[in-house]
Amino acid sequence: MSENTYQSAILAFLREQFPDAVDDGPITETTPLMTSGVLDSLRIAVLMTFIRDRLGLLVPLEKIDAANFADVRSIAALLDEADPVPATGGRR
């Protein structure tokens, strides 16, 4: 997937999950997610589950910080470098 595809997927997810998170309209690619309160620790966990389950990517814990989650563009750039989820090999 491309960075633009990641941006679109994340925007759609955030808008669906947190529709009233921003007072002045819908979340955009440049909405400051951390400082505006769109993302907090619980919402980051929800987003990480989406990224793993729907986009098939693993983000290392050390990459989960305010700079990498500042806005949708920075998250998409991070995902562009992320590793795919490994095959489960029969795990249930």
PDB file of N, CA and C in Angstrom:
ATOM      1  N   MET A   1       0.840  -1.191   0.000  1.00  0.00           N
ATOM      2  CA  MET A   1       0.000   0.000   0.000  1.00  0.00           C
ATOM      3  C   MET A   1       0.878   1.246   0.000  1.00  0.00           C
ATOM      4  N   SER A   2       0.312   2.318  -0.459  1.00  0.00           N
ATOM      5  CA  SER A   2       1.054   3.565  -0.505  1.00  0.00           C
ATOM      6  C   SER A   2       0.718   4.429   0.703  1.00  0.00           C
ATOM      7  N   GLU A   3       1.511   5.459   0.900  1.00  0.00           N
ATOM      8  CA  GLU A   3       1.271   6.399   1.992  1.00  0.00           C
ATOM      9  C   GLU A   3      -0.107   7.052   1.862  1.00  0.00           C
ATOM     10  N   ASN A   4      -0.509   7.375   0.629  1.00  0.00           N
ATOM     11  CA  ASN A   4      -1.834   7.973   0.411  1.00  0.00           C
ATOM     12  C   ASN A   4      -2.956   7.008   0.781  1.00  0.00           C
ATOM     13  N   THR A   5      -2.758   5.726   0.495  1.00  0.00           N
ATOM     14  CA  THR A   5      -3.752   4.720   0.858  1.00  0.00           C
ATOM     15  C   THR A   5      -3.869   4.619   2.369  1.00  0.00           C
ATOM     16  N   TYR A   6      -2.725   4.648   3.058  1.00  0.00           N
ATOM     17  CA  TYR A   6      -2.746   4.633   4.529  1.00  0.00           C
ATOM     18  C   TYR A   6      -3.462   5.863   5.074  1.00  0.00           C
ATOM     19  N   GLN A   7      -3.187   7.020   4.495  1.00  0.00           N
ATOM     20  CA  GLN A   7      -3.861   8.251   4.941  1.00  0.00           C
ATOM     21  C   GLN A   7      -5.370   8.120   4.814  1.00  0.00           C
ATOM     22  N   SER A   8      -5.820   7.644   3.678  1.00  0.00           N
ATOM     23  CA  SER A   8      -7.263   7.494   3.448  1.00  0.00           C
ATOM     24  C   SER A   8      -7.892   6.520   4.437  1.00  0.00           C
ATOM     25  N   ALA A   9      -7.230   5.398   4.672  1.00  0.00           N
ATOM     26  CA  ALA A   9      -7.760   4.394   5.594  1.00  0.00           C
ATOM     27  C   ALA A   9      -7.816   4.921   7.019  1.00  0.00           C
ATOM     28  N   ILE A  10      -6.774   5.607   7.447  1.00  0.00           N
ATOM     29  CA  ILE A  10      -6.735   6.147   8.810  1.00  0.00           C
ATOM     30  C   ILE A  10      -7.779   7.243   8.978  1.00  0.00           C
ATOM     31  N   LEU A  11      -7.886   8.128   7.994  1.00  0.00           N
ATOM     32  CA  LEU A  11      -8.901   9.188   8.065  1.00  0.00           C
ATOM     33  C   LEU A  11     -10.302   8.600   8.182  1.00  0.00           C
ATOM     34  N   ALA A  12     -10.604   7.632   7.356  1.00  0.00           N
ATOM     35  CA  ALA A  12     -11.930   7.011   7.401  1.00  0.00           C
ATOM     36  C   ALA A  12     -12.179   6.374   8.763  1.00  0.00           C
ATOM     37  N   PHE A  13     -11.183   5.683   9.284  1.00  0.00           N
ATOM     38  CA  PHE A  13     -11.325   5.033  10.590  1.00  0.00           C
ATOM     39  C   PHE A  13     -11.544   6.064  11.690  1.00  0.00           C
ATOM     40  N   LEU A  14     -10.710   7.087  11.746  1.00  0.00           N
ATOM     41  CA  LEU A  14     -10.826   8.095  12.797  1.00  0.00           C
ATOM     42  C   LEU A  14     -12.153   8.837  12.723  1.00  0.00           C
ATOM     43  N   ARG A  15     -12.579   9.165  11.514  1.00  0.00           N
ATOM     44  CA  ARG A  15     -13.857   9.877  11.352  1.00  0.00           C
ATOM     45  C   ARG A  15     -15.035   9.006  11.779  1.00  0.00           C
ATOM     46  N   GLU A  16     -14.940   7.710  11.516  1.00  0.00           N
ATOM     47  CA  GLU A  16     -16.015   6.800  11.899  1.00  0.00           C
ATOM     48  C   GLU A  16     -16.024   6.554  13.406  1.00  0.00           C
ATOM     49  N   GLN A  17     -14.863   6.315  13.967  1.00  0.00           N
ATOM     50  CA  GLN A  17     -14.768   5.972  15.384  1.00  0.00           C
ATOM     51  C   GLN A  17     -14.932   7.173  16.316  1.00  0.00           C
ATOM     52  N   PHE A  18     -14.437   8.324  15.899  1.00  0.00           N
ATOM     53  CA  PHE A  18     -14.426   9.511  16.750  1.00  0.00           C
ATOM     54  C   PHE A  18     -15.001  10.713  15.997  1.00  0.00           C
ATOM     55  N   PRO A  19     -16.269  10.636  15.592  1.00  0.00           N
ATOM     56  CA  PRO A  19     -16.849  11.670  14.718  1.00  0.00           C
ATOM     57  C   PRO A  19     -16.923  13.060  15.347  1.00  0.00           C
ATOM     58  N   ASP A  20     -17.020  13.138  16.649  1.00  0.00           N
ATOM     59  CA  ASP A  20     -17.145  14.435  17.318  1.00  0.00           C
ATOM     60  C   ASP A  20     -15.867  14.851  18.035  1.00  0.00           C
ATOM     61  N   ALA A  21     -14.741  14.273  17.637  1.00  0.00           N
ATOM     62  CA  ALA A  21     -13.483  14.519  18.337  1.00  0.00           C
ATOM     63  C   ALA A  21     -12.936  15.930  18.125  1.00  0.00           C
ATOM     64  N   VAL A  22     -13.285  16.553  17.012  1.00  0.00           N
ATOM     65  CA  VAL A  22     -12.783  17.893  16.707  1.00  0.00           C
ATOM     66  C   VAL A  22     -13.973  18.842  16.637  1.00  0.00           C
ATOM     67  N   ASP A  23     -13.881  19.962  17.330  1.00  0.00           N
ATOM     68  CA  ASP A  23     -14.994  20.912  17.394  1.00  0.00           C
ATOM     69  C   ASP A  23     -15.272  21.631  16.082  1.00  0.00           C
ATOM     70  N   ASP A  24     -14.236  21.866  15.284  1.00  0.00           N
ATOM     71  CA  ASP A  24     -14.403  22.716  14.103  1.00  0.00           C
ATOM     72  C   ASP A  24     -14.532  21.951  12.792  1.00  0.00           C
ATOM     73  N   GLY A  25     -15.054  20.725  12.830  1.00  0.00           N
ATOM     74  CA  GLY A  25     -15.277  19.980  11.592  1.00  0.00           C
ATOM     75  C   GLY A  25     -14.632  18.619  11.623  1.00  0.00           C
ATOM     76  N   PRO A  26     -14.617  17.946  10.481  1.00  0.00           N
ATOM     77  CA  PRO A  26     -14.056  16.596  10.430  1.00  0.00           C
ATOM     78  C   PRO A  26     -12.532  16.599  10.560  1.00  0.00           C
ATOM     79  N   ILE A  27     -12.016  15.481  10.982  1.00  0.00           N
ATOM     80  CA  ILE A  27     -10.568  15.298  11.073  1.00  0.00           C
ATOM     81  C   ILE A  27      -9.989  15.323   9.664  1.00  0.00           C
ATOM     82  N   THR A  28      -8.864  16.017   9.492  1.00  0.00           N
ATOM     83  CA  THR A  28      -8.166  16.081   8.203  1.00  0.00           C
ATOM     84  C   THR A  28      -6.774  15.471   8.343  1.00  0.00           C
ATOM     85  N   GLU A  29      -6.037  15.454   7.242  1.00  0.00           N
ATOM     86  CA  GLU A  29      -4.675  14.916   7.256  1.00  0.00           C
ATOM     87  C   GLU A  29      -3.760  15.696   8.183  1.00  0.00           C
ATOM     88  N   THR A  30      -4.075  16.959   8.426  1.00  0.00           N
ATOM     89  CA  THR A  30      -3.191  17.810   9.222  1.00  0.00           C
ATOM     90  C   THR A  30      -3.755  18.180  10.597  1.00  0.00           C
ATOM     91  N   THR A  31      -4.898  17.625  10.966  1.00  0.00           N
ATOM     92  CA  THR A  31      -5.448  17.881  12.294  1.00  0.00           C
ATOM     93  C   THR A  31      -4.429  17.404  13.334  1.00  0.00           C
ATOM     94  N   PRO A  32      -4.079  18.251  14.296  1.00  0.00           N
ATOM     95  CA  PRO A  32      -3.146  17.815  15.344  1.00  0.00           C
ATOM     96  C   PRO A  32      -3.845  16.834  16.290  1.00  0.00           C
ATOM     97  N   LEU A  33      -3.589  15.559  16.099  1.00  0.00           N
ATOM     98  CA  LEU A  33      -4.340  14.513  16.781  1.00  0.00           C
ATOM     99  C   LEU A  33      -4.076  14.454  18.280  1.00  0.00           C
ATOM    100  N   MET A  34      -2.857  14.653  18.683  1.00  0.00           N
ATOM    101  CA  MET A  34      -2.523  14.567  20.103  1.00  0.00           C
ATOM    102  C   MET A  34      -2.937  15.839  20.847  1.00  0.00           C
ATOM    103  N   THR A  35      -2.574  16.983  20.317  1.00  0.00           N
ATOM    104  CA  THR A  35      -2.840  18.231  21.043  1.00  0.00           C
ATOM    105  C   THR A  35      -4.307  18.628  21.015  1.00  0.00           C
ATOM    106  N   SER A  36      -5.058  18.157  20.024  1.00  0.00           N
ATOM    107  CA  SER A  36      -6.486  18.477  19.964  1.00  0.00           C
ATOM    108  C   SER A  36      -7.330  17.506  20.786  1.00  0.00           C
ATOM    109  N   GLY A  37      -6.702  16.435  21.255  1.00  0.00           N
ATOM    110  CA  GLY A  37      -7.422  15.463  22.061  1.00  0.00           C
ATOM    111  C   GLY A  37      -8.091  14.355  21.275  1.00  0.00           C
ATOM    112  N   VAL A  38      -7.892  14.324  19.957  1.00  0.00           N
ATOM    113  CA  VAL A  38      -8.473  13.248  19.153  1.00  0.00           C
ATOM    114  C   VAL A  38      -7.893  11.910  19.619  1.00  0.00           C
ATOM    115  N   LEU A  39      -6.580  11.878  19.828  1.00  0.00           N
ATOM    116  CA  LEU A  39      -5.936  10.657  20.298  1.00  0.00           C
ATOM    117  C   LEU A  39      -5.452  10.823  21.731  1.00  0.00           C
ATOM    118  N   ASP A  40      -5.699   9.796  22.512  1.00  0.00           N
ATOM    119  CA  ASP A  40      -5.126   9.656  23.842  1.00  0.00           C
ATOM    120  C   ASP A  40      -4.627   8.217  23.918  1.00  0.00           C
ATOM    121  N   SER A  41      -4.170   7.786  25.060  1.00  0.00           N
ATOM    122  CA  SER A  41      -3.580   6.445  25.137  1.00  0.00           C
ATOM    123  C   SER A  41      -4.572   5.342  24.764  1.00  0.00           C
ATOM    124  N   LEU A  42      -5.811   5.458  25.194  1.00  0.00           N
ATOM    125  CA  LEU A  42      -6.814   4.440  24.860  1.00  0.00           C
ATOM    126  C   LEU A  42      -7.135   4.454  23.364  1.00  0.00           C
ATOM    127  N   ARG A  43      -7.306   5.630  22.807  1.00  0.00           N
ATOM    128  CA  ARG A  43      -7.625   5.729  21.382  1.00  0.00           C
ATOM    129  C   ARG A  43      -6.455   5.291  20.503  1.00  0.00           C
ATOM    130  N   ILE A  44      -5.233   5.505  20.969  1.00  0.00           N
ATOM    131  CA  ILE A  44      -4.072   5.000  20.227  1.00  0.00           C
ATOM    132  C   ILE A  44      -4.103   3.478  20.206  1.00  0.00           C
ATOM    133  N   ALA A  45      -4.473   2.871  21.314  1.00  0.00           N
ATOM    134  CA  ALA A  45      -4.575   1.407  21.359  1.00  0.00           C
ATOM    135  C   ALA A  45      -5.626   0.914  20.372  1.00  0.00           C
ATOM    136  N   VAL A  46      -6.762   1.604  20.286  1.00  0.00           N
ATOM    137  CA  VAL A  46      -7.812   1.246  19.336  1.00  0.00           C
ATOM    138  C   VAL A  46      -7.288   1.397  17.904  1.00  0.00           C
ATOM    139  N   LEU A  47      -6.594   2.483  17.638  1.00  0.00           N
ATOM    140  CA  LEU A  47      -6.018   2.718  16.312  1.00  0.00           C
ATOM    141  C   LEU A  47      -4.977   1.656  15.967  1.00  0.00           C
ATOM    142  N   MET A  48      -4.150   1.273  16.932  1.00  0.00           N
ATOM    143  CA  MET A  48      -3.130   0.257  16.677  1.00  0.00           C
ATOM    144  C   MET A  48      -3.772  -1.096  16.339  1.00  0.00           C
ATOM    145  N   THR A  49      -4.892  -1.403  16.973  1.00  0.00           N
ATOM    146  CA  THR A  49      -5.614  -2.640  16.657  1.00  0.00           C
ATOM    147  C   THR A  49      -6.127  -2.593  15.223  1.00  0.00           C
ATOM    148  N   PHE A  50      -6.673  -1.446  14.817  1.00  0.00           N
ATOM    149  CA  PHE A  50      -7.118  -1.266  13.435  1.00  0.00           C
ATOM    150  C   PHE A  50      -5.954  -1.455  12.463  1.00  0.00           C
ATOM    151  N   ILE A  51      -4.833  -0.836  12.768  1.00  0.00           N
ATOM    152  CA  ILE A  51      -3.658  -0.915  11.892  1.00  0.00           C
ATOM    153  C   ILE A  51      -3.201  -2.368  11.756  1.00  0.00           C
ATOM    154  N   ARG A  52      -3.188  -3.086  12.857  1.00  0.00           N
ATOM    155  CA  ARG A  52      -2.771  -4.489  12.816  1.00  0.00           C
ATOM    156  C   ARG A  52      -3.785  -5.362  12.080  1.00  0.00           C
ATOM    157  N   ASP A  53      -5.060  -5.234  12.461  1.00  0.00           N
ATOM    158  CA  ASP A  53      -6.077  -6.137  11.930  1.00  0.00           C
ATOM    159  C   ASP A  53      -6.521  -5.800  10.512  1.00  0.00           C
ATOM    160  N   ARG A  54      -6.656  -4.546  10.202  1.00  0.00           N
ATOM    161  CA  ARG A  54      -7.183  -4.154   8.886  1.00  0.00           C
ATOM    162  C   ARG A  54      -6.103  -3.851   7.859  1.00  0.00           C
ATOM    163  N   LEU A  55      -4.990  -3.265   8.324  1.00  0.00           N
ATOM    164  CA  LEU A  55      -3.930  -2.912   7.381  1.00  0.00           C
ATOM    165  C   LEU A  55      -2.812  -3.943   7.364  1.00  0.00           C
ATOM    166  N   GLY A  56      -2.821  -4.841   8.350  1.00  0.00           N
ATOM    167  CA  GLY A  56      -1.833  -5.921   8.377  1.00  0.00           C
ATOM    168  C   GLY A  56      -0.424  -5.471   8.694  1.00  0.00           C
ATOM    169  N   LEU A  57      -0.296  -4.446   9.538  1.00  0.00           N
ATOM    170  CA  LEU A  57       1.019  -3.903   9.862  1.00  0.00           C
ATOM    171  C   LEU A  57       1.264  -3.911  11.360  1.00  0.00           C
ATOM    172  N   LEU A  58       2.529  -4.108  11.722  1.00  0.00           N
ATOM    173  CA  LEU A  58       2.946  -4.014  13.113  1.00  0.00           C
ATOM    174  C   LEU A  58       3.802  -2.765  13.298  1.00  0.00           C
ATOM    175  N   VAL A  59       3.439  -1.960  14.275  1.00  0.00           N
ATOM    176  CA  VAL A  59       4.225  -0.782  14.611  1.00  0.00           C
ATOM    177  C   VAL A  59       4.945  -1.089  15.919  1.00  0.00           C
ATOM    178  N   PRO A  60       6.278  -1.010  15.921  1.00  0.00           N
ATOM    179  CA  PRO A  60       7.009  -1.281  17.160  1.00  0.00           C
ATOM    180  C   PRO A  60       6.611  -0.284  18.262  1.00  0.00           C
ATOM    181  N   LEU A  61       6.555  -0.776  19.485  1.00  0.00           N
ATOM    182  CA  LEU A  61       6.159   0.074  20.612  1.00  0.00           C
ATOM    183  C   LEU A  61       7.014   1.330  20.726  1.00  0.00           C
ATOM    184  N   GLU A  62       8.299   1.219  20.419  1.00  0.00           N
ATOM    185  CA  GLU A  62       9.179   2.383  20.548  1.00  0.00           C
ATOM    186  C   GLU A  62       8.861   3.482  19.521  1.00  0.00           C
ATOM    187  N   LYS A  63       8.073   3.152  18.507  1.00  0.00           N
ATOM    188  CA  LYS A  63       7.673   4.143  17.501  1.00  0.00           C
ATOM    189  C   LYS A  63       6.369   4.865  17.865  1.00  0.00           C
ATOM    190  N   ILE A  64       5.712   4.418  18.919  1.00  0.00           N
ATOM    191  CA  ILE A  64       4.458   5.041  19.334  1.00  0.00           C
ATOM    192  C   ILE A  64       4.789   6.207  20.243  1.00  0.00           C
ATOM    193  N   ASP A  65       4.857   7.388  19.628  1.00  0.00           N
ATOM    194  CA  ASP A  65       5.152   8.602  20.384  1.00  0.00           C
ATOM    195  C   ASP A  65       4.417   9.783  19.756  1.00  0.00           C
ATOM    196  N   ALA A  66       4.475  10.909  20.428  1.00  0.00           N
ATOM    197  CA  ALA A  66       3.728  12.097  19.987  1.00  0.00           C
ATOM    198  C   ALA A  66       4.140  12.550  18.590  1.00  0.00           C
ATOM    199  N   ALA A  67       5.396  12.432  18.249  1.00  0.00           N
ATOM    200  CA  ALA A  67       5.848  12.885  16.927  1.00  0.00           C
ATOM    201  C   ALA A  67       5.279  12.009  15.809  1.00  0.00           C
ATOM    202  N   ASN A  68       5.289  10.703  16.003  1.00  0.00           N
ATOM    203  CA  ASN A  68       4.792   9.789  14.968  1.00  0.00           C
ATOM    204  C   ASN A  68       3.278   9.768  14.872  1.00  0.00           C
ATOM    205  N   PHE A  69       2.588  10.253  15.910  1.00  0.00           N
ATOM    206  CA  PHE A  69       1.126  10.272  15.916  1.00  0.00           C
ATOM    207  C   PHE A  69       0.590  11.697  15.975  1.00  0.00           C
ATOM    208  N   ALA A  70       1.393  12.640  15.508  1.00  0.00           N
ATOM    209  CA  ALA A  70       1.007  14.049  15.538  1.00  0.00           C
ATOM    210  C   ALA A  70      -0.198  14.339  14.659  1.00  0.00           C
ATOM    211  N   ASP A  71      -0.246  13.721  13.483  1.00  0.00           N
ATOM    212  CA  ASP A  71      -1.356  13.899  12.552  1.00  0.00           C
ATOM    213  C   ASP A  71      -1.426  12.679  11.634  1.00  0.00           C
ATOM    214  N   VAL A  72      -2.415  12.640  10.787  1.00  0.00           N
ATOM    215  CA  VAL A  72      -2.616  11.485   9.911  1.00  0.00           C
ATOM    216  C   VAL A  72      -1.431  11.311   8.964  1.00  0.00           C
ATOM    217  N   ARG A  73      -0.867  12.396   8.489  1.00  0.00           N
ATOM    218  CA  ARG A  73       0.283  12.296   7.583  1.00  0.00           C
ATOM    219  C   ARG A  73       1.467  11.619   8.253  1.00  0.00           C
ATOM    220  N   SER A  74       1.751  11.973   9.497  1.00  0.00           N
ATOM    221  CA  SER A  74       2.896  11.362  10.183  1.00  0.00           C
ATOM    222  C   SER A  74       2.640   9.888  10.473  1.00  0.00           C
ATOM    223  N   ILE A  75       1.397   9.526  10.776  1.00  0.00           N
ATOM    224  CA  ILE A  75       1.065   8.109  10.989  1.00  0.00           C
ATOM    225  C   ILE A  75       1.240   7.335   9.682  1.00  0.00           C
ATOM    226  N   ALA A  76       0.765   7.892   8.579  1.00  0.00           N
ATOM    227  CA  ALA A  76       0.894   7.225   7.276  1.00  0.00           C
ATOM    228  C   ALA A  76       2.363   7.042   6.899  1.00  0.00           C
ATOM    229  N   ALA A  77       3.198   8.034   7.181  1.00  0.00           N
ATOM    230  CA  ALA A  77       4.632   7.910   6.903  1.00  0.00           C
ATOM    231  C   ALA A  77       5.243   6.801   7.750  1.00  0.00           C
ATOM    232  N   LEU A  78       4.820   6.711   9.003  1.00  0.00           N
ATOM    233  CA  LEU A  78       5.290   5.646   9.879  1.00  0.00           C
ATOM    234  C   LEU A  78       4.871   4.276   9.335  1.00  0.00           C
ATOM    235  N   LEU A  79       3.636   4.165   8.896  1.00  0.00           N
ATOM    236  CA  LEU A  79       3.139   2.896   8.370  1.00  0.00           C
ATOM    237  C   LEU A  79       3.840   2.491   7.087  1.00  0.00           C
ATOM    238  N   ASP A  80       4.267   3.473   6.315  1.00  0.00           N
ATOM    239  CA  ASP A  80       4.967   3.184   5.072  1.00  0.00           C
ATOM    240  C   ASP A  80       6.263   2.417   5.346  1.00  0.00           C
ATOM    241  N   GLU A  81       6.787   2.541   6.570  1.00  0.00           N
ATOM    242  CA  GLU A  81       8.022   1.855   6.956  1.00  0.00           C
ATOM    243  C   GLU A  81       7.770   0.647   7.859  1.00  0.00           C
ATOM    244  N   ALA A  82       6.506   0.374   8.226  1.00  0.00           N
ATOM    245  CA  ALA A  82       6.186  -0.688   9.183  1.00  0.00           C
ATOM    246  C   ALA A  82       6.305  -2.070   8.559  1.00  0.00           C
ATOM    247  N   ASP A  83       6.492  -3.047   9.426  1.00  0.00           N
ATOM    248  CA  ASP A  83       6.594  -4.445   8.995  1.00  0.00           C
ATOM    249  C   ASP A  83       5.212  -5.079   8.917  1.00  0.00           C
ATOM    250  N   PRO A  84       5.021  -5.981   7.955  1.00  0.00           N
ATOM    251  CA  PRO A  84       3.733  -6.691   7.894  1.00  0.00           C
ATOM    252  C   PRO A  84       3.563  -7.614   9.095  1.00  0.00           C
ATOM    253  N   VAL A  85       2.309  -7.877   9.448  1.00  0.00           N
ATOM    254  CA  VAL A  85       2.004  -8.814  10.519  1.00  0.00           C
ATOM    255  C   VAL A  85       2.466 -10.195  10.069  1.00  0.00           C
ATOM    256  N   PRO A  86       3.206 -10.922  10.905  1.00  0.00           N
ATOM    257  CA  PRO A  86       3.651 -12.258  10.501  1.00  0.00           C
ATOM    258  C   PRO A  86       2.484 -13.230  10.409  1.00  0.00           C
ATOM    259  N   ALA A  87       2.646 -14.223   9.569  1.00  0.00           N
ATOM    260  CA  ALA A  87       1.611 -15.265   9.446  1.00  0.00           C
ATOM    261  C   ALA A  87       1.434 -15.940  10.799  1.00  0.00           C
ATOM    262  N   THR A  88       0.203 -16.306  11.113  1.00  0.00           N
ATOM    263  CA  THR A  88      -0.077 -16.883  12.428  1.00  0.00           C
ATOM    264  C   THR A  88       0.313 -18.346  12.540  1.00  0.00           C
ATOM    265  N   GLY A  89       0.472 -19.025  11.434  1.00  0.00           N
ATOM    266  CA  GLY A  89       0.925 -20.411  11.472  1.00  0.00           C
ATOM    267  C   GLY A  89      -0.017 -21.332  12.226  1.00  0.00           C
ATOM    268  N   GLY A  90      -1.316 -21.132  12.052  1.00  0.00           N
ATOM    269  CA  GLY A  90      -2.287 -22.018  12.684  1.00  0.00           C
ATOM    270  C   GLY A  90      -2.747 -21.598  14.047  1.00  0.00           C
ATOM    271  N   ARG A  91      -2.322 -20.442  14.538  1.00  0.00           N
ATOM    272  CA  ARG A  91      -2.796 -19.952  15.840  1.00  0.00           C
ATOM    273  C   ARG A  91      -4.255 -19.609  15.748  1.00  0.00           C
ATOM    274  N   ARG A  92      -4.960 -19.766  16.821  1.00  0.00           N
ATOM    275  CA  ARG A  92      -6.395 -19.466  16.839  1.00  0.00           C
ATOM    276  C   ARG A  92      -6.683 -18.209  17.566  1.00  0.00           C
TER     277      ARG A  92
END
